[in-house]
Amino acid sequence: MDKLPVLVFLRVDNDSLDDARPFNTLRGAKARFRHIASELAQYGQDCVATVHYARRRDELNEYPEYMLELGPRGGVIVSRC
């Protein structure tokens, strides 16, 4: 049995799964997404991201657990997929 902790992988816009960035918590992934999306919003660009759970990068599945988007007041909207 694999004893590795489950990681939260953040995949922003059209990044490949290989480019997904690992985080220990969903909170960390949301904070990073908020930073990226807020910067892009300053220039009128939209940004979405997906969250994937896996123990290792090679176990990542194409289908996400959550979708993240920036809300109208700057908060992160988390939608279960």
Protein backbone atom coordinates (compact mmCIF):
# COMPACT_ATOMS: atom_id res chain seq x y z
CA MET A 1 0.00 0.00 0.00
CA ASP A 2 1.30 3.44 -0.95
CA LYS A 3 1.93 5.63 2.12
CA LEU A 4 2.62 8.84 0.20
CA PRO A 5 0.34 11.78 1.11
CA VAL A 6 -2.25 12.92 -1.38
CA LEU A 7 -1.13 16.12 -3.09
CA VAL A 8 -3.23 18.84 -4.66
CA PHE A 9 -2.09 19.64 -8.20
CA LEU A 10 -3.03 23.00 -9.72
CA ARG A 11 -3.35 23.16 -13.50
CA VAL A 12 -3.82 26.72 -14.81
CA ASP A 13 -5.63 27.41 -18.10
CA ASN A 14 -4.27 25.25 -20.91
CA ASP A 15 -1.23 23.89 -19.08
CA SER A 16 -0.55 20.21 -19.59
CA LEU A 17 -0.80 17.80 -16.67
CA ASP A 18 3.00 17.68 -16.67
CA ASP A 19 3.00 21.41 -15.84
CA ALA A 20 0.56 21.07 -12.92
CA ARG A 21 2.07 22.47 -9.74
CA PRO A 22 1.85 20.39 -6.53
CA PHE A 23 0.58 21.80 -3.22
CA ASN A 24 0.06 20.21 0.17
CA THR A 25 -3.40 21.74 0.61
CA LEU A 26 -6.31 23.04 -1.43
CA ARG A 27 -5.89 26.33 0.44
CA GLY A 28 -2.35 26.72 -0.94
CA ALA A 29 -3.50 25.96 -4.48
CA LYS A 30 -6.35 28.48 -4.17
CA ALA A 31 -3.99 31.18 -2.90
CA ARG A 32 -1.61 30.64 -5.82
CA PHE A 33 -4.50 30.71 -8.28
CA ARG A 34 -5.87 33.92 -6.73
CA HIS A 35 -2.46 35.55 -7.21
CA ILE A 36 -2.17 34.48 -10.87
CA ALA A 37 -5.79 35.29 -11.76
CA SER A 38 -5.69 38.70 -10.05
CA GLU A 39 -2.60 39.71 -12.01
CA LEU A 40 -4.20 38.65 -15.29
CA ALA A 41 -7.49 40.39 -14.41
CA GLN A 42 -5.59 43.71 -14.19
CA TYR A 43 -5.00 43.36 -17.93
CA GLY A 44 -8.54 42.22 -18.75
CA GLN A 45 -7.64 38.54 -19.12
CA ASP A 46 -9.71 35.72 -17.67
CA CYS A 47 -8.14 32.69 -16.08
CA VAL A 48 -9.49 29.33 -14.93
CA ALA A 49 -7.73 26.42 -13.29
CA THR A 50 -8.41 22.83 -12.37
CA VAL A 51 -7.46 20.94 -9.22
CA HIS A 52 -6.42 17.31 -9.36
CA TYR A 53 -5.66 14.98 -6.43
CA ALA A 54 -2.90 12.39 -6.74
CA ARG A 55 -0.12 10.87 -4.68
CA ARG A 56 2.43 11.30 -7.49
CA ARG A 57 2.58 13.26 -10.72
CA ASP A 58 2.44 10.07 -12.80
CA GLU A 59 -0.92 9.22 -11.19
CA LEU A 60 -2.60 12.44 -12.34
CA ASN A 61 -5.93 11.96 -14.06
CA GLU A 62 -7.15 14.23 -16.85
CA TYR A 63 -10.47 14.70 -15.07
CA PRO A 64 -10.28 17.30 -12.27
CA GLU A 65 -11.85 17.31 -8.83
CA TYR A 66 -12.53 21.06 -8.86
CA MET A 67 -12.55 24.03 -11.21
CA LEU A 68 -11.36 27.42 -9.95
CA GLU A 69 -12.25 30.84 -11.30
CA LEU A 70 -12.00 34.37 -10.01
CA GLY A 71 -15.28 35.80 -8.78
CA PRO A 72 -16.59 39.30 -9.47
CA ARG A 73 -15.28 40.64 -6.14
CA GLY A 74 -11.86 38.97 -6.32
CA GLY A 75 -12.61 35.78 -4.43
CA VAL A 76 -11.96 32.30 -5.78
CA ILE A 77 -15.03 30.33 -6.85
CA VAL A 78 -14.55 26.60 -6.35
CA SER A 79 -16.85 24.33 -8.37
CA ARG A 80 -16.88 20.58 -7.94
CA CYS A 81 -16.55 18.73 -11.23
